[in-house]
PDB file of N, CA and C in Angstrom:
ATOM      1  N   UNK A   1      -2.058 -11.020  -4.762  1.00  0.00           N
ATOM      2  CA  UNK A   1      -1.287 -10.405  -5.268  1.00  0.00           C
ATOM      3  C   UNK A   1      -0.107 -11.765  -4.557  1.00  0.00           C
ATOM      4  N   UNK A   2       0.389 -12.705  -4.830  1.00  0.00           N
ATOM      5  CA  UNK A   2       1.261 -13.365  -4.345  1.00  0.00           C
ATOM      6  C   UNK A   2       2.531 -12.569  -3.375  1.00  0.00           C
ATOM      7  N   UNK A   3       3.376 -12.720  -2.273  1.00  0.00           N
ATOM      8  CA  UNK A   3       4.464 -11.844  -2.464  1.00  0.00           C
ATOM      9  C   UNK A   3       5.400 -13.080  -1.407  1.00  0.00           C
ATOM     10  N   UNK A   4       6.507 -13.027  -1.903  1.00  0.00           N
ATOM     11  CA  UNK A   4       7.522 -14.774  -1.217  1.00  0.00           C
ATOM     12  C   UNK A   4       8.422 -13.679  -0.412  1.00  0.00           C
ATOM     13  N   UNK A   5       9.659 -14.508   0.719  1.00  0.00           N
ATOM     14  CA  UNK A   5      10.309 -14.215   1.169  1.00  0.00           C
ATOM     15  C   UNK A   5      11.762 -14.124   0.464  1.00  0.00           C
ATOM     16  N   UNK A   6      12.255 -13.749   0.813  1.00  0.00           N
ATOM     17  CA  UNK A   6      13.898 -14.139  -0.398  1.00  0.00           C
ATOM     18  C   UNK A   6      14.269 -15.242  -0.477  1.00  0.00           C
ATOM     19  N   UNK A   7      13.676 -16.514   0.106  1.00  0.00           N
ATOM     20  CA  UNK A   7      13.935 -18.001  -0.711  1.00  0.00           C
ATOM     21  C   UNK A   7      12.894 -18.408  -0.234  1.00  0.00           C
ATOM     22  N   UNK A   8      11.693 -18.006  -0.579  1.00  0.00           N
ATOM     23  CA  UNK A   8      10.747 -19.079  -0.888  1.00  0.00           C
ATOM     24  C   UNK A   8      10.295 -19.794  -0.231  1.00  0.00           C
ATOM     25  N   UNK A   9      10.647 -19.828   1.278  1.00  0.00           N
ATOM     26  CA  UNK A   9       9.908 -20.108   1.761  1.00  0.00           C
ATOM     27  C   UNK A   9       8.585 -20.346   2.199  1.00  0.00           C
ATOM     28  N   UNK A  10       8.228 -18.814   2.359  1.00  0.00           N
ATOM     29  CA  UNK A  10       6.837 -18.607   2.726  1.00  0.00           C
ATOM     30  C   UNK A  10       6.149 -17.357   2.040  1.00  0.00           C
ATOM     31  N   UNK A  11       5.020 -17.541   2.043  1.00  0.00           N
ATOM     32  CA  UNK A  11       4.439 -16.503   1.271  1.00  0.00           C
ATOM     33  C   UNK A  11       2.972 -16.249   1.753  1.00  0.00           C
ATOM     34  N   UNK A  12       2.443 -15.292   0.751  1.00  0.00           N
ATOM     35  CA  UNK A  12       1.302 -14.446   1.264  1.00  0.00           C
ATOM     36  C   UNK A  12       0.409 -14.136   0.505  1.00  0.00           C
ATOM     37  N   UNK A  13      -0.200 -14.445   0.522  1.00  0.00           N
ATOM     38  CA  UNK A  13      -2.211 -13.547  -0.604  1.00  0.00           C
ATOM     39  C   UNK A  13      -3.121 -12.464  -0.172  1.00  0.00           C
ATOM     40  N   UNK A  14      -3.082 -11.108  -0.737  1.00  0.00           N
ATOM     41  CA  UNK A  14      -3.180 -10.354  -0.415  1.00  0.00           C
ATOM     42  C   UNK A  14      -3.900  -9.073  -1.191  1.00  0.00           C
ATOM     43  N   UNK A  15      -4.938  -8.089  -1.274  1.00  0.00           N
ATOM     44  CA  UNK A  15      -5.557  -7.681  -1.730  1.00  0.00           C
ATOM     45  C   UNK A  15      -4.873  -6.353  -1.276  1.00  0.00           C
ATOM     46  N   UNK A  16      -4.233  -5.499  -2.398  1.00  0.00           N
ATOM     47  CA  UNK A  16      -3.482  -4.318  -2.307  1.00  0.00           C
ATOM     48  C   UNK A  16      -4.772  -2.817  -2.597  1.00  0.00           C
ATOM     49  N   UNK A  17      -5.384  -3.103  -1.599  1.00  0.00           N
ATOM     50  CA  UNK A  17      -5.960  -1.971  -1.647  1.00  0.00           C
ATOM     51  C   UNK A  17      -6.364  -0.825  -0.196  1.00  0.00           C
ATOM     52  N   UNK A  18      -6.637   0.295  -0.201  1.00  0.00           N
ATOM     53  CA  UNK A  18      -6.160   1.370   0.353  1.00  0.00           C
ATOM     54  C   UNK A  18      -7.517   1.789   0.620  1.00  0.00           C
ATOM     55  N   UNK A  19      -7.769   1.147   1.950  1.00  0.00           N
ATOM     56  CA  UNK A  19      -9.179   1.919   2.518  1.00  0.00           C
ATOM     57  C   UNK A  19      -9.492   3.350   2.576  1.00  0.00           C
ATOM     58  N   UNK A  20      -8.685   3.576   3.405  1.00  0.00           N
ATOM     59  CA  UNK A  20      -8.408   5.217   3.299  1.00  0.00           C
ATOM     60  C   UNK A  20      -7.823   6.042   2.970  1.00  0.00           C
ATOM     61  N   UNK A  21      -8.172   5.591   1.214  1.00  0.00           N
ATOM     62  CA  UNK A  21      -6.980   6.826   0.879  1.00  0.00           C
ATOM     63  C   UNK A  21      -7.826   8.077   0.902  1.00  0.00           C
ATOM     64  N   UNK A  22      -9.044   8.477   0.820  1.00  0.00           N
ATOM     65  CA  UNK A  22      -9.700  10.110   1.398  1.00  0.00           C
ATOM     66  C   UNK A  22      -8.764  10.382   1.915  1.00  0.00           C
ATOM     67  N   UNK A  23      -8.725  10.011   3.518  1.00  0.00           N
ATOM     68  CA  UNK A  23      -7.750  10.407   4.451  1.00  0.00           C
ATOM     69  C   UNK A  23      -6.291  10.899   4.204  1.00  0.00           C
ATOM     70  N   UNK A  24      -5.565   9.944   3.545  1.00  0.00           N
ATOM     71  CA  UNK A  24      -4.235   9.929   3.190  1.00  0.00           C
ATOM     72  C   UNK A  24      -4.030  11.104   2.108  1.00  0.00           C
ATOM     73  N   UNK A  25      -4.964  11.136   0.807  1.00  0.00           N
ATOM     74  CA  UNK A  25      -4.639  12.080  -0.013  1.00  0.00           C
ATOM     75  C   UNK A  25      -5.297  13.062   0.490  1.00  0.00           C
ATOM     76  N   UNK A  26      -6.049  13.527   1.451  1.00  0.00           N
ATOM     77  CA  UNK A  26      -5.407  15.123   2.390  1.00  0.00           C
ATOM     78  C   UNK A  26      -4.489  14.961   3.144  1.00  0.00           C
ATOM     79  N   UNK A  27      -4.206  14.433   3.372  1.00  0.00           N
ATOM     80  CA  UNK A  27      -2.894  14.595   4.410  1.00  0.00           C
ATOM     81  C   UNK A  27      -1.632  14.793   3.739  1.00  0.00           C
ATOM     82  N   UNK A  28      -1.469  14.154   2.321  1.00  0.00           N
ATOM     83  CA  UNK A  28      -0.502  14.454   1.345  1.00  0.00           C
ATOM     84  C   UNK A  28      -0.968  15.885   0.663  1.00  0.00           C
ATOM     85  N   UNK A  29      -1.753  16.106   0.677  1.00  0.00           N
ATOM     86  CA  UNK A  29      -2.349  17.765   0.025  1.00  0.00           C
ATOM     87  C   UNK A  29      -1.642  18.665   0.887  1.00  0.00           C
ATOM     88  N   UNK A  30      -1.800  18.249   2.422  1.00  0.00           N
ATOM     89  CA  UNK A  30      -0.966  19.348   3.428  1.00  0.00           C
ATOM     90  C   UNK A  30       0.326  19.354   3.003  1.00  0.00           C
ATOM     91  N   UNK A  31       0.923  18.790   2.851  1.00  0.00           N
ATOM     92  CA  UNK A  31       2.210  19.043   2.965  1.00  0.00           C
ATOM     93  C   UNK A  31       2.733  18.834   1.148  1.00  0.00           C
ATOM     94  N   UNK A  32       1.764  19.464   0.337  1.00  0.00           N
ATOM     95  CA  UNK A  32       1.781  19.863  -0.835  1.00  0.00           C
ATOM     96  C   UNK A  32       2.338  18.733  -1.826  1.00  0.00           C
ATOM     97  N   UNK A  33       2.365  16.695  -2.106  1.00  0.00           N
ATOM     98  CA  UNK A  33       2.437  16.018  -2.431  1.00  0.00           C
ATOM     99  C   UNK A  33       1.168  16.218  -3.459  1.00  0.00           C
ATOM    100  N   UNK A  34       1.591  16.127  -4.446  1.00  0.00           N
ATOM    101  CA  UNK A  34       0.470  15.977  -5.571  1.00  0.00           C
ATOM    102  C   UNK A  34       0.915  14.922  -6.471  1.00  0.00           C
ATOM    103  N   UNK A  35      -0.419  14.446  -7.307  1.00  0.00           N
ATOM    104  CA  UNK A  35      -0.673  13.313  -7.996  1.00  0.00           C
ATOM    105  C   UNK A  35      -0.263  13.616  -9.355  1.00  0.00           C
TER     106      UNK A  35
END
């Protein structure tokens, strides 16, 4: 997934995966956030 700065002079490509999703999901549930 490419992403650039405002003028398009710099680009980065990355994979938008969350590897610690289980931990984050548990933390969000503790503060009553639901999907």
